[in-house]
Amino acid sequence: MKKYLHTIENSLRYATLLRERHFGLRTFAVFLISFVLLTSCEDVIDVKLNDESLNLLGVEASITTQDEPTVFLYKTLKVNQDETYPGISGAVVTVSDNASPANSVTLVEDQQKKGFYRVPENADYFGVAGREYTLTILSEGKTLTAKDKLTKVEPIDSIQIFPSLRGDKLFLGVFSYGQEPQGLGNFYKWDVYVNDTLIHEADRLAIASDEFVDGNYISKLEIYTDFHDTNKPEERMLNLNDTITVKQTSISEFAYKFYLQMINQSSTGSLFSVPTANIKSNFTSTDGKPVLGLFVAKDVSVSNDVVIDQTIEDQLKK
């Protein structure tokens, strides 16, 4: 048996409840941190793969209050094929809402990206909080349908960046501040942008529900930590003079559970790993076959910009 010593980060997801006292009030914040270090002994095993999930349809689609709907329609590949998913052309793609009368738009395929559909240049179609949106795709003799509710998100107050201690090492963290409104059933996703580029790795997703913090002011919610090998500074995501922005978005309960499964499945290879499987989509198909992917509708609140200046950078040396 061959022995390997390896470090696995982001293989255990857990929720931590912080309690602070300020002018006699208790402030609660729940956030996700995932990391575990372990040593393991592995056998090299040849796994026989079948083609059960080959040539299934997949969809990545969204609409927000700031961005018009986009849809990427593709076919799945074998797990051992390290290639870009092949986009599917020629589909009829329509987005509509539940207003009375309903508002709808038919998307057009981008000439530069096969399988990518967007709003025509002569049209405007942005999401409206409180409405439910239906995405319908006609392709290859099948009709795919998905629905998602666009719920209002509470405005984000601000973000700050300062060091976060992990073990005996400091890493820059992005911290959010804002009010969580009264009423259970709110779900959130935070998108972190570095110089206008989204950090989107599955194990870096920041999501949460209001189950334990309903109606409280959320202070110092750590939504991103720049974990990296300190011996490889080139792996840092947050660097001196970078501009950091956060989009706080509302998501449905279905989308929350979808992203949660993405986080769990991205953390494979440890004792705490979940079995690998296709994540349940909110799409249905008239041929009865499963469809991969997610259609998500989101309200968006954009934070202030924070530039990592020398003062912030110097705090890593303390």
C-alpha atoms as a PDB file:
ATOM      1  CA  MET A   1       0.000   0.000   0.000  1.00  0.00           C
ATOM      2  CA  LYS A   2       1.303   3.380  -0.979  1.00  0.00           C
ATOM      3  CA  LYS A   3       1.230   5.993   1.732  1.00  0.00           C
ATOM      4  CA  TYR A   4       0.593   9.628   1.066  1.00  0.00           C
ATOM      5  CA  LEU A   5       0.795  12.587   3.402  1.00  0.00           C
ATOM      6  CA  HIS A   6      -1.586  15.292   2.280  1.00  0.00           C
ATOM      7  CA  THR A   7      -3.405  18.315   3.605  1.00  0.00           C
ATOM      8  CA  ILE A   8      -7.104  18.682   2.858  1.00  0.00           C
ATOM      9  CA  GLU A   9      -8.689  22.078   3.361  1.00  0.00           C
ATOM     10  CA  ASN A  10     -12.368  22.830   3.294  1.00  0.00           C
ATOM     11  CA  SER A  11     -13.423  19.245   3.993  1.00  0.00           C
ATOM     12  CA  LEU A  12     -15.557  19.955   7.038  1.00  0.00           C
ATOM     13  CA  ARG A  13     -18.309  22.549   7.076  1.00  0.00           C
ATOM     14  CA  TYR A  14     -19.625  23.752  10.354  1.00  0.00           C
ATOM     15  CA  ALA A  15     -21.560  26.726  11.674  1.00  0.00           C
ATOM     16  CA  THR A  16     -20.134  28.854  14.468  1.00  0.00           C
ATOM     17  CA  LEU A  17     -22.337  31.076  16.594  1.00  0.00           C
ATOM     18  CA  LEU A  18     -20.647  34.234  17.827  1.00  0.00           C
ATOM     19  CA  ARG A  19     -22.064  36.307  20.641  1.00  0.00           C
ATOM     20  CA  GLU A  20     -21.025  39.868  21.369  1.00  0.00           C
ATOM     21  CA  ARG A  21     -22.270  42.353  23.950  1.00  0.00           C
ATOM     22  CA  HIS A  22     -22.669  46.002  22.925  1.00  0.00           C
ATOM     23  CA  PHE A  23     -24.621  48.571  24.976  1.00  0.00           C
ATOM     24  CA  GLY A  24     -26.458  45.704  26.655  1.00  0.00           C
ATOM     25  CA  LEU A  25     -27.594  44.137  23.375  1.00  0.00           C
ATOM     26  CA  ARG A  26     -26.521  40.739  22.079  1.00  0.00           C
ATOM     27  CA  THR A  27     -25.394  40.506  18.494  1.00  0.00           C
ATOM     28  CA  PHE A  28     -25.372  37.102  16.873  1.00  0.00           C
ATOM     29  CA  ALA A  29     -23.557  36.108  13.704  1.00  0.00           C
ATOM     30  CA  VAL A  30     -23.495  32.755  12.021  1.00  0.00           C
ATOM     31  CA  PHE A  31     -20.906  31.986   9.422  1.00  0.00           C
ATOM     32  CA  LEU A  32     -19.353  29.048   7.659  1.00  0.00           C
ATOM     33  CA  ILE A  33     -15.738  28.065   8.117  1.00  0.00           C
ATOM     34  CA  SER A  34     -14.378  24.941   6.564  1.00  0.00           C
ATOM     35  CA  PHE A  35     -10.998  23.525   7.178  1.00  0.00           C
ATOM     36  CA  VAL A  36      -9.441  20.350   8.521  1.00  0.00           C
ATOM     37  CA  LEU A  37      -5.959  18.959   8.385  1.00  0.00           C
ATOM     38  CA  LEU A  38      -5.426  15.247   8.444  1.00  0.00           C
ATOM     39  CA  THR A  39      -3.003  12.547   7.483  1.00  0.00           C
ATOM     40  CA  SER A  40      -4.297   9.496   5.709  1.00  0.00           C
ATOM     41  CA  CYS A  41      -3.253   6.245   4.163  1.00  0.00           C
ATOM     42  CA  GLU A  42      -4.740   5.554   0.748  1.00  0.00           C
ATOM     43  CA  ASP A  43      -5.052   2.618  -1.591  1.00  0.00           C
ATOM     44  CA  VAL A  44      -4.867   3.218  -5.316  1.00  0.00           C
ATOM     45  CA  ILE A  45      -8.125   1.804  -6.688  1.00  0.00           C
ATOM     46  CA  ASP A  46      -9.284   1.584 -10.270  1.00  0.00           C
ATOM     47  CA  VAL A  47     -12.892   2.753 -10.414  1.00  0.00           C
ATOM     48  CA  LYS A  48     -15.156   1.488 -13.178  1.00  0.00           C
ATOM     49  CA  LEU A  49     -17.223   4.334 -14.537  1.00  0.00           C
ATOM     50  CA  ASN A  50     -20.492   4.022 -16.418  1.00  0.00           C
ATOM     51  CA  ASP A  51     -22.114   6.397 -18.866  1.00  0.00           C
ATOM     52  CA  GLU A  52     -25.362   6.811 -16.946  1.00  0.00           C
ATOM     53  CA  SER A  53     -24.967  10.575 -16.691  1.00  0.00           C
ATOM     54  CA  LEU A  54     -23.455  11.066 -20.135  1.00  0.00           C
ATOM     55  CA  ASN A  55     -25.171  13.491 -22.533  1.00  0.00           C
ATOM     56  CA  LEU A  56     -27.566  14.811 -19.915  1.00  0.00           C
ATOM     57  CA  LEU A  57     -28.577  18.432 -20.345  1.00  0.00           C
ATOM     58  CA  GLY A  58     -27.183  21.009 -17.949  1.00  0.00           C
ATOM     59  CA  VAL A  59     -28.184  24.636 -17.388  1.00  0.00           C
ATOM     60  CA  GLU A  60     -26.562  27.539 -15.571  1.00  0.00           C
ATOM     61  CA  ALA A  61     -29.050  30.402 -15.458  1.00  0.00           C
ATOM     62  CA  SER A  62     -29.743  33.488 -13.393  1.00  0.00           C
ATOM     63  CA  ILE A  63     -31.628  36.749 -13.226  1.00  0.00           C
ATOM     64  CA  THR A  64     -31.026  39.532 -10.702  1.00  0.00           C
ATOM     65  CA  THR A  65     -32.275  43.017  -9.959  1.00  0.00           C
ATOM     66  CA  GLN A  66     -29.005  44.332 -11.411  1.00  0.00           C
ATOM     67  CA  ASP A  67     -28.299  41.852 -14.200  1.00  0.00           C
ATOM     68  CA  GLU A  68     -30.487  40.721 -17.066  1.00  0.00           C
ATOM     69  CA  PRO A  69     -31.047  36.966 -17.414  1.00  0.00           C
ATOM     70  CA  THR A  70     -28.318  34.782 -18.855  1.00  0.00           C
ATOM     71  CA  VAL A  71     -28.517  31.080 -19.671  1.00  0.00           C
ATOM     72  CA  PHE A  72     -25.795  28.576 -20.530  1.00  0.00           C
ATOM     73  CA  LEU A  73     -27.175  25.337 -21.986  1.00  0.00           C
ATOM     74  CA  TYR A  74     -24.764  22.430 -22.326  1.00  0.00           C
ATOM     75  CA  LYS A  75     -24.323  18.662 -22.386  1.00  0.00           C
ATOM     76  CA  THR A  76     -22.514  16.698 -19.702  1.00  0.00           C
ATOM     77  CA  LEU A  77     -19.278  14.794 -20.285  1.00  0.00           C
ATOM     78  CA  LYS A  78     -17.606  11.754 -18.792  1.00  0.00           C
ATOM     79  CA  VAL A  79     -16.019  12.490 -15.427  1.00  0.00           C
ATOM     80  CA  ASN A  80     -12.562  11.745 -16.827  1.00  0.00           C
ATOM     81  CA  GLN A  81     -12.938  14.247 -19.697  1.00  0.00           C
ATOM     82  CA  ASP A  82     -11.100  17.433 -18.774  1.00  0.00           C
ATOM     83  CA  GLU A  83     -12.833  19.621 -21.327  1.00  0.00           C
ATOM     84  CA  THR A  84     -15.189  22.575 -21.447  1.00  0.00           C
ATOM     85  CA  TYR A  85     -18.831  21.526 -21.475  1.00  0.00           C
ATOM     86  CA  PRO A  86     -20.105  21.666 -25.075  1.00  0.00           C
ATOM     87  CA  GLY A  87     -22.762  24.357 -25.445  1.00  0.00           C
ATOM     88  CA  ILE A  88     -26.006  23.614 -27.260  1.00  0.00           C
ATOM     89  CA  SER A  89     -27.121  25.937 -30.043  1.00  0.00           C
ATOM     90  CA  GLY A  90     -30.535  26.452 -31.570  1.00  0.00           C
ATOM     91  CA  ALA A  91     -32.616  26.434 -28.380  1.00  0.00           C
ATOM     92  CA  VAL A  92     -35.662  28.622 -27.804  1.00  0.00           C
ATOM     93  CA  VAL A  93     -35.127  30.240 -24.401  1.00  0.00           C
ATOM     94  CA  THR A  94     -37.825  32.312 -22.677  1.00  0.00           C
ATOM     95  CA  VAL A  95     -37.984  34.002 -19.259  1.00  0.00           C
ATOM     96  CA  SER A  96     -41.319  35.186 -17.848  1.00  0.00           C
ATOM     97  CA  ASP A  97     -42.662  36.456 -14.521  1.00  0.00           C
ATOM     98  CA  ASN A  98     -45.923  36.031 -12.633  1.00  0.00           C
ATOM     99  CA  ALA A  99     -47.043  39.645 -12.943  1.00  0.00           C
ATOM    100  CA  SER A 100     -50.489  40.365 -14.367  1.00  0.00           C
ATOM    101  CA  PRO A 101     -50.121  40.640 -17.289  1.00  0.00           C
ATOM    102  CA  ALA A 102     -46.927  38.596 -17.388  1.00  0.00           C
ATOM    103  CA  ASN A 103     -43.697  40.099 -18.686  1.00  0.00           C
ATOM    104  CA  SER A 104     -41.565  37.832 -20.842  1.00  0.00           C
ATOM    105  CA  VAL A 105     -38.485  37.962 -23.007  1.00  0.00           C
ATOM    106  CA  THR A 106     -36.999  35.533 -25.526  1.00  0.00           C
ATOM    107  CA  LEU A 107     -33.230  35.308 -25.273  1.00  0.00           C
ATOM    108  CA  VAL A 108     -30.844  35.147 -28.214  1.00  0.00           C
ATOM    109  CA  GLU A 109     -27.692  33.064 -28.530  1.00  0.00           C
ATOM    110  CA  ASP A 110     -24.382  34.850 -28.198  1.00  0.00           C
ATOM    111  CA  GLN A 111     -22.514  34.581 -31.475  1.00  0.00           C
ATOM    112  CA  GLN A 112     -19.189  34.346 -29.644  1.00  0.00           C
ATOM    113  CA  LYS A 113     -20.138  31.610 -27.162  1.00  0.00           C
ATOM    114  CA  LYS A 114     -22.037  28.530 -28.230  1.00  0.00           C
ATOM    115  CA  GLY A 115     -24.912  27.660 -25.911  1.00  0.00           C
ATOM    116  CA  PHE A 116     -24.892  31.030 -24.114  1.00  0.00           C
ATOM    117  CA  TYR A 117     -28.167  32.956 -24.322  1.00  0.00           C
ATOM    118  CA  ARG A 118     -28.806  36.583 -23.317  1.00  0.00           C
ATOM    119  CA  VAL A 119     -31.346  39.375 -23.664  1.00  0.00           C
ATOM    120  CA  PRO A 120     -31.453  40.965 -27.156  1.00  0.00           C
ATOM    121  CA  GLU A 121     -29.623  44.272 -27.459  1.00  0.00           C
ATOM    122  CA  ASN A 122     -32.846  46.186 -28.122  1.00  0.00           C
ATOM    123  CA  ALA A 123     -34.573  44.888 -24.964  1.00  0.00           C
ATOM    124  CA  ASP A 124     -34.354  45.460 -21.194  1.00  0.00           C
ATOM    125  CA  TYR A 125     -35.392  42.807 -18.697  1.00  0.00           C
ATOM    126  CA  PHE A 126     -34.269  43.043 -15.082  1.00  0.00           C
ATOM    127  CA  GLY A 127     -35.507  41.098 -12.099  1.00  0.00           C
ATOM    128  CA  VAL A 128     -38.089  42.637  -9.747  1.00  0.00           C
ATOM    129  CA  ALA A 129     -38.184  41.680  -6.068  1.00  0.00           C
ATOM    130  CA  GLY A 130     -41.328  39.805  -5.081  1.00  0.00           C
ATOM    131  CA  ARG A 131     -41.923  38.153  -8.445  1.00  0.00           C
ATOM    132  CA  GLU A 132     -41.513  34.506  -9.411  1.00  0.00           C
ATOM    133  CA  TYR A 133     -39.639  33.800 -12.620  1.00  0.00           C
ATOM    134  CA  THR A 134     -40.054  30.862 -14.984  1.00  0.00           C
ATOM    135  CA  LEU A 135     -37.344  29.775 -17.408  1.00  0.00           C
ATOM    136  CA  THR A 136     -38.454  27.647 -20.353  1.00  0.00           C
ATOM    137  CA  ILE A 137     -36.027  26.025 -22.799  1.00  0.00           C
ATOM    138  CA  LEU A 138     -37.051  24.143 -25.945  1.00  0.00           C
ATOM    139  CA  SER A 139     -34.134  22.079 -27.243  1.00  0.00           C
ATOM    140  CA  GLU A 140     -33.715  18.839 -29.175  1.00  0.00           C
ATOM    141  CA  GLY A 141     -37.398  17.982 -28.905  1.00  0.00           C
ATOM    142  CA  LYS A 142     -37.529  18.456 -25.128  1.00  0.00           C
ATOM    143  CA  THR A 143     -38.870  21.228 -22.920  1.00  0.00           C
ATOM    144  CA  LEU A 144     -36.961  22.176 -19.778  1.00  0.00           C
ATOM    145  CA  THR A 145     -38.683  24.275 -17.125  1.00  0.00           C
ATOM    146  CA  ALA A 146     -37.501  25.866 -13.863  1.00  0.00           C
ATOM    147  CA  LYS A 147     -38.975  28.415 -11.450  1.00  0.00           C
ATOM    148  CA  ASP A 148     -37.436  30.585  -8.737  1.00  0.00           C
ATOM    149  CA  LYS A 149     -38.771  33.353  -6.479  1.00  0.00           C
ATOM    150  CA  LEU A 150     -36.860  36.634  -6.355  1.00  0.00           C
ATOM    151  CA  THR A 151     -37.028  37.807  -2.750  1.00  0.00           C
ATOM    152  CA  LYS A 152     -35.938  41.194  -1.450  1.00  0.00           C
ATOM    153  CA  VAL A 153     -32.542  41.419   0.233  1.00  0.00           C
ATOM    154  CA  GLU A 154     -31.719  43.738   3.123  1.00  0.00           C
ATOM    155  CA  PRO A 155     -29.117  46.366   2.100  1.00  0.00           C
ATOM    156  CA  ILE A 156     -25.574  45.602   3.201  1.00  0.00           C
ATOM    157  CA  ASP A 157     -24.222  48.303   5.513  1.00  0.00           C
ATOM    158  CA  SER A 158     -20.529  47.918   4.834  1.00  0.00           C
ATOM    159  CA  ILE A 159     -17.562  45.571   4.564  1.00  0.00           C
ATOM    160  CA  GLN A 160     -14.171  45.691   6.239  1.00  0.00           C
ATOM    161  CA  ILE A 161     -10.928  43.815   5.621  1.00  0.00           C
ATOM    162  CA  PHE A 162      -8.566  42.852   8.397  1.00  0.00           C
ATOM    163  CA  PRO A 163      -6.498  39.814   9.464  1.00  0.00           C
ATOM    164  CA  SER A 164      -8.162  36.620  10.628  1.00  0.00           C
ATOM    165  CA  LEU A 165      -6.207  34.209  12.814  1.00  0.00           C
ATOM    166  CA  ARG A 166      -6.188  30.541  11.782  1.00  0.00           C
ATOM    167  CA  GLY A 167      -3.953  28.472  14.047  1.00  0.00           C
ATOM    168  CA  ASP A 168      -0.794  30.518  14.379  1.00  0.00           C
ATOM    169  CA  LYS A 169      -1.111  32.240  10.981  1.00  0.00           C
ATOM    170  CA  LEU A 170      -2.866  35.386   9.836  1.00  0.00           C
ATOM    171  CA  PHE A 171      -4.855  35.639   6.616  1.00  0.00           C
ATOM    172  CA  LEU A 172      -6.858  38.568   5.311  1.00  0.00           C
ATOM    173  CA  GLY A 173     -10.589  38.190   5.846  1.00  0.00           C
ATOM    174  CA  VAL A 174     -13.569  40.000   4.362  1.00  0.00           C
ATOM    175  CA  PHE A 175     -16.151  40.925   6.997  1.00  0.00           C
ATOM    176  CA  SER A 176     -19.727  42.042   6.416  1.00  0.00           C
ATOM    177  CA  TYR A 177     -22.018  44.243   8.522  1.00  0.00           C
ATOM    178  CA  GLY A 178     -25.775  44.626   8.191  1.00  0.00           C
ATOM    179  CA  GLN A 179     -29.259  44.172   9.594  1.00  0.00           C
ATOM    180  CA  GLU A 180     -31.061  40.840   9.297  1.00  0.00           C
ATOM    181  CA  PRO A 181     -34.802  41.594   8.994  1.00  0.00           C
ATOM    182  CA  GLN A 182     -37.526  40.106  11.159  1.00  0.00           C
ATOM    183  CA  GLY A 183     -39.153  36.929   9.872  1.00  0.00           C
ATOM    184  CA  LEU A 184     -37.611  33.499   9.377  1.00  0.00           C
ATOM    185  CA  GLY A 185     -36.978  32.124   5.919  1.00  0.00           C
ATOM    186  CA  ASN A 186     -34.305  34.436   4.523  1.00  0.00           C
ATOM    187  CA  PHE A 187     -31.356  32.907   2.687  1.00  0.00           C
ATOM    188  CA  TYR A 188     -28.212  34.707   1.571  1.00  0.00           C
ATOM    189  CA  LYS A 189     -25.255  34.354  -0.752  1.00  0.00           C
ATOM    190  CA  TRP A 190     -22.286  36.724  -0.731  1.00  0.00           C
ATOM    191  CA  ASP A 191     -20.255  37.194  -3.901  1.00  0.00           C
ATOM    192  CA  VAL A 192     -16.751  38.585  -3.347  1.00  0.00           C
ATOM    193  CA  TYR A 193     -15.104  40.515  -6.171  1.00  0.00           C
ATOM    194  CA  VAL A 194     -11.391  41.281  -6.423  1.00  0.00           C
ATOM    195  CA  ASN A 195     -10.773  44.085  -8.917  1.00  0.00           C
ATOM    196  CA  ASP A 196     -14.236  43.370 -10.400  1.00  0.00           C
ATOM    197  CA  THR A 197     -13.466  39.649 -10.810  1.00  0.00           C
ATOM    198  CA  LEU A 198     -15.670  37.181  -8.928  1.00  0.00           C
ATOM    199  CA  ILE A 199     -14.067  34.605  -6.640  1.00  0.00           C
ATOM    200  CA  HIS A 200     -16.208  31.586  -7.484  1.00  0.00           C
ATOM    201  CA  GLU A 201     -14.555  28.342  -6.374  1.00  0.00           C
ATOM    202  CA  ALA A 202     -17.163  25.933  -4.987  1.00  0.00           C
ATOM    203  CA  ASP A 203     -15.413  25.573  -1.630  1.00  0.00           C
ATOM    204  CA  ARG A 204     -15.260  29.374  -1.219  1.00  0.00           C
ATOM    205  CA  LEU A 205     -19.015  29.955  -1.528  1.00  0.00           C
ATOM    206  CA  ALA A 206     -20.450  32.060   1.295  1.00  0.00           C
ATOM    207  CA  ILE A 207     -24.082  31.204   2.061  1.00  0.00           C
ATOM    208  CA  ALA A 208     -26.259  31.364   5.163  1.00  0.00           C
ATOM    209  CA  SER A 209     -29.802  31.172   6.480  1.00  0.00           C
ATOM    210  CA  ASP A 210     -31.344  33.326   9.193  1.00  0.00           C
ATOM    211  CA  GLU A 211     -32.301  30.332  11.342  1.00  0.00           C
ATOM    212  CA  PHE A 212     -30.285  31.473  14.365  1.00  0.00           C
ATOM    213  CA  VAL A 213     -29.962  35.215  13.715  1.00  0.00           C
ATOM    214  CA  ASP A 214     -33.458  36.320  12.730  1.00  0.00           C
ATOM    215  CA  GLY A 215     -33.967  40.046  13.282  1.00  0.00           C
ATOM    216  CA  ASN A 216     -30.480  40.754  14.666  1.00  0.00           C
ATOM    217  CA  TYR A 217     -27.780  43.150  13.528  1.00  0.00           C
ATOM    218  CA  ILE A 218     -24.963  41.051  12.053  1.00  0.00           C
ATOM    219  CA  SER A 219     -21.520  42.378  12.893  1.00  0.00           C
ATOM    220  CA  LYS A 220     -18.137  41.075  11.691  1.00  0.00           C
ATOM    221  CA  LEU A 221     -19.567  38.246   9.603  1.00  0.00           C
ATOM    222  CA  GLU A 222     -16.517  36.632   7.994  1.00  0.00           C
ATOM    223  CA  ILE A 223     -17.685  35.798   4.480  1.00  0.00           C
ATOM    224  CA  TYR A 224     -14.287  35.130   2.936  1.00  0.00           C
ATOM    225  CA  THR A 225     -10.839  34.172   4.234  1.00  0.00           C
ATOM    226  CA  ASP A 226      -7.802  34.199   1.974  1.00  0.00           C
ATOM    227  CA  PHE A 227      -6.468  30.750   2.936  1.00  0.00           C
ATOM    228  CA  HIS A 228      -3.270  29.922   1.065  1.00  0.00           C
ATOM    229  CA  ASP A 229       0.091  28.252   1.484  1.00  0.00           C
ATOM    230  CA  THR A 230       2.119  30.913   3.258  1.00  0.00           C
ATOM    231  CA  ASN A 231       5.227  29.584   1.518  1.00  0.00           C
ATOM    232  CA  LYS A 232       3.592  30.427  -1.823  1.00  0.00           C
ATOM    233  CA  PRO A 233       2.598  34.087  -1.719  1.00  0.00           C
ATOM    234  CA  GLU A 234       1.616  33.901  -5.379  1.00  0.00           C
ATOM    235  CA  GLU A 235      -1.445  31.891  -4.277  1.00  0.00           C
ATOM    236  CA  ARG A 236      -2.879  34.846  -2.378  1.00  0.00           C
ATOM    237  CA  MET A 237      -6.203  36.107  -3.686  1.00  0.00           C
ATOM    238  CA  LEU A 238      -6.205  39.361  -1.709  1.00  0.00           C
ATOM    239  CA  ASN A 239      -3.115  41.468  -2.326  1.00  0.00           C
ATOM    240  CA  LEU A 240      -1.798  44.962  -1.743  1.00  0.00           C
ATOM    241  CA  ASN A 241      -3.689  47.613  -3.776  1.00  0.00           C
ATOM    242  CA  ASP A 242      -6.511  45.231  -4.710  1.00  0.00           C
ATOM    243  CA  THR A 243     -10.051  46.643  -4.602  1.00  0.00           C
ATOM    244  CA  ILE A 244     -12.581  44.411  -2.855  1.00  0.00           C
ATOM    245  CA  THR A 245     -16.356  44.616  -3.330  1.00  0.00           C
ATOM    246  CA  VAL A 246     -19.122  42.350  -2.025  1.00  0.00           C
ATOM    247  CA  LYS A 247     -22.576  41.703  -3.451  1.00  0.00           C
ATOM    248  CA  GLN A 248     -25.037  40.553  -0.813  1.00  0.00           C
ATOM    249  CA  THR A 249     -27.812  38.623  -2.542  1.00  0.00           C
ATOM    250  CA  SER A 250     -31.067  36.965  -1.591  1.00  0.00           C
ATOM    251  CA  ILE A 251     -31.547  33.370  -2.700  1.00  0.00           C
ATOM    252  CA  SER A 252     -34.380  30.876  -2.373  1.00  0.00           C
ATOM    253  CA  GLU A 253     -34.302  27.976   0.046  1.00  0.00           C
ATOM    254  CA  PHE A 254     -33.842  25.606  -2.904  1.00  0.00           C
ATOM    255  CA  ALA A 255     -30.829  27.564  -4.149  1.00  0.00           C
ATOM    256  CA  TYR A 256     -29.386  27.617  -0.612  1.00  0.00           C
ATOM    257  CA  LYS A 257     -29.586  23.823  -0.381  1.00  0.00           C
ATOM    258  CA  PHE A 258     -28.147  23.484  -3.905  1.00  0.00           C
ATOM    259  CA  TYR A 259     -25.098  25.602  -3.017  1.00  0.00           C
ATOM    260  CA  LEU A 260     -24.730  23.766   0.280  1.00  0.00           C
ATOM    261  CA  GLN A 261     -24.464  20.473  -1.608  1.00  0.00           C
ATOM    262  CA  MET A 262     -21.868  22.065  -3.905  1.00  0.00           C
ATOM    263  CA  ILE A 263     -19.778  22.993  -0.865  1.00  0.00           C
ATOM    264  CA  ASN A 264     -20.098  19.511   0.621  1.00  0.00           C
ATOM    265  CA  GLN A 265     -19.243  17.738  -2.616  1.00  0.00           C
ATOM    266  CA  SER A 266     -16.274  19.983  -3.331  1.00  0.00           C
ATOM    267  CA  SER A 267     -14.750  18.766  -0.064  1.00  0.00           C
ATOM    268  CA  THR A 268     -14.098  15.159  -1.017  1.00  0.00           C
ATOM    269  CA  GLY A 269     -11.403  12.775   0.083  1.00  0.00           C
ATOM    270  CA  SER A 270     -11.805  12.796   3.846  1.00  0.00           C
ATOM    271  CA  LEU A 271     -13.692  10.938   6.538  1.00  0.00           C
ATOM    272  CA  PHE A 272     -16.298  13.698   6.473  1.00  0.00           C
ATOM    273  CA  SER A 273     -16.946  13.633   2.723  1.00  0.00           C
ATOM    274  CA  VAL A 274     -20.417  13.038   1.360  1.00  0.00           C
ATOM    275  CA  PRO A 275     -20.963  10.487  -1.428  1.00  0.00           C
ATOM    276  CA  THR A 276     -20.502  12.035  -4.853  1.00  0.00           C
ATOM    277  CA  ALA A 277     -23.752  12.349  -6.776  1.00  0.00           C
ATOM    278  CA  ASN A 278     -25.535  14.677  -9.167  1.00  0.00           C
ATOM    279  CA  ILE A 279     -27.051  17.579  -7.222  1.00  0.00           C
ATOM    280  CA  LYS A 280     -30.823  17.828  -7.580  1.00  0.00           C
ATOM    281  CA  SER A 281     -31.774  20.617  -9.961  1.00  0.00           C
ATOM    282  CA  ASN A 282     -34.881  22.821 -10.012  1.00  0.00           C
ATOM    283  CA  PHE A 283     -35.306  21.954 -13.704  1.00  0.00           C
ATOM    284  CA  THR A 284     -37.708  19.358 -15.045  1.00  0.00           C
ATOM    285  CA  SER A 285     -37.695  17.869 -18.546  1.00  0.00           C
ATOM    286  CA  THR A 286     -40.579  16.524 -20.613  1.00  0.00           C
ATOM    287  CA  ASP A 287     -38.567  13.380 -21.390  1.00  0.00           C
ATOM    288  CA  GLY A 288     -38.361  12.520 -17.674  1.00  0.00           C
ATOM    289  CA  LYS A 289     -34.552  12.561 -17.580  1.00  0.00           C
ATOM    290  CA  PRO A 290     -32.704  14.506 -14.900  1.00  0.00           C
ATOM    291  CA  VAL A 291     -31.340  17.945 -15.751  1.00  0.00           C
ATOM    292  CA  LEU A 292     -28.232  19.314 -14.067  1.00  0.00           C
ATOM    293  CA  GLY A 293     -27.760  22.884 -12.932  1.00  0.00           C
ATOM    294  CA  LEU A 294     -29.721  25.702 -11.346  1.00  0.00           C
ATOM    295  CA  PHE A 295     -31.913  28.647 -12.280  1.00  0.00           C
ATOM    296  CA  VAL A 296     -31.568  31.285  -9.569  1.00  0.00           C
ATOM    297  CA  ALA A 297     -33.273  34.662  -9.080  1.00  0.00           C
ATOM    298  CA  LYS A 298     -31.560  37.171  -6.763  1.00  0.00           C
ATOM    299  CA  ASP A 299     -31.955  40.645  -5.352  1.00  0.00           C
ATOM    300  CA  VAL A 300     -28.596  42.397  -5.019  1.00  0.00           C
ATOM    301  CA  SER A 301     -27.115  44.914  -2.600  1.00  0.00           C
ATOM    302  CA  VAL A 302     -23.598  46.167  -3.378  1.00  0.00           C
ATOM    303  CA  SER A 303     -21.144  47.069  -0.627  1.00  0.00           C
ATOM    304  CA  ASN A 304     -18.650  49.866  -0.406  1.00  0.00           C
ATOM    305  CA  ASP A 305     -15.262  49.329  -2.075  1.00  0.00           C
ATOM    306  CA  VAL A 306     -12.271  48.611   0.140  1.00  0.00           C
ATOM    307  CA  VAL A 307      -8.715  49.011  -1.157  1.00  0.00           C
ATOM    308  CA  ILE A 308      -6.077  46.885   0.557  1.00  0.00           C
ATOM    309  CA  ASP A 309      -3.619  49.606   1.467  1.00  0.00           C
ATOM    310  CA  GLN A 310      -0.316  49.354   3.280  1.00  0.00           C
ATOM    311  CA  THR A 311      -1.996  49.820   6.663  1.00  0.00           C
ATOM    312  CA  ILE A 312      -4.101  46.693   6.129  1.00  0.00           C
ATOM    313  CA  GLU A 313      -1.179  44.774   4.652  1.00  0.00           C
ATOM    314  CA  ASP A 314       1.085  45.602   7.607  1.00  0.00           C
ATOM    315  CA  GLN A 315      -1.390  44.022  10.038  1.00  0.00           C
ATOM    316  CA  LEU A 316      -0.449  40.586   8.630  1.00  0.00           C
ATOM    317  CA  LYS A 317       3.024  41.052  10.075  1.00  0.00           C
ATOM    318  CA  LYS A 318       1.898  41.542  13.674  1.00  0.00           C
END
